[in-house]
Amino acid sequence: PHQSMAMAVFRAVENKRALVRAANTGISGFVDPVGRIVERSGLFVEAALVSRMPLLDGQTVFNRQGHLFGPACAILIPLFLLLGGRRR
């Protein structure tokens, strides 16, 4: 449960969006766009949480480009290794 909440913080920062996490037996809570946990419940605790969360417009670089970083690295790294090896 703690790891799931920590991953939710990363998702909020990565997408620059407020995040609301609701869990039946884990940690529920609100995370703001910069990763601060605004409010949270405990483990195995019945709770009703209320918070104001910002609705943001616009997109982050990750939202616009998607998952291009991995494929770009898969193409560029071997290319750099091949070109770098030939200069010796």
Foldseek 3Di string as FASTA:
>chain_A
DVVVLVVQLVVLQVWLFKDFADDDFQKTFIAASNRDTPDIDHGRDDDDDDDDYDDDDDTDPCVVPPPVPVVVCVPVVVVCVVVVVVVD
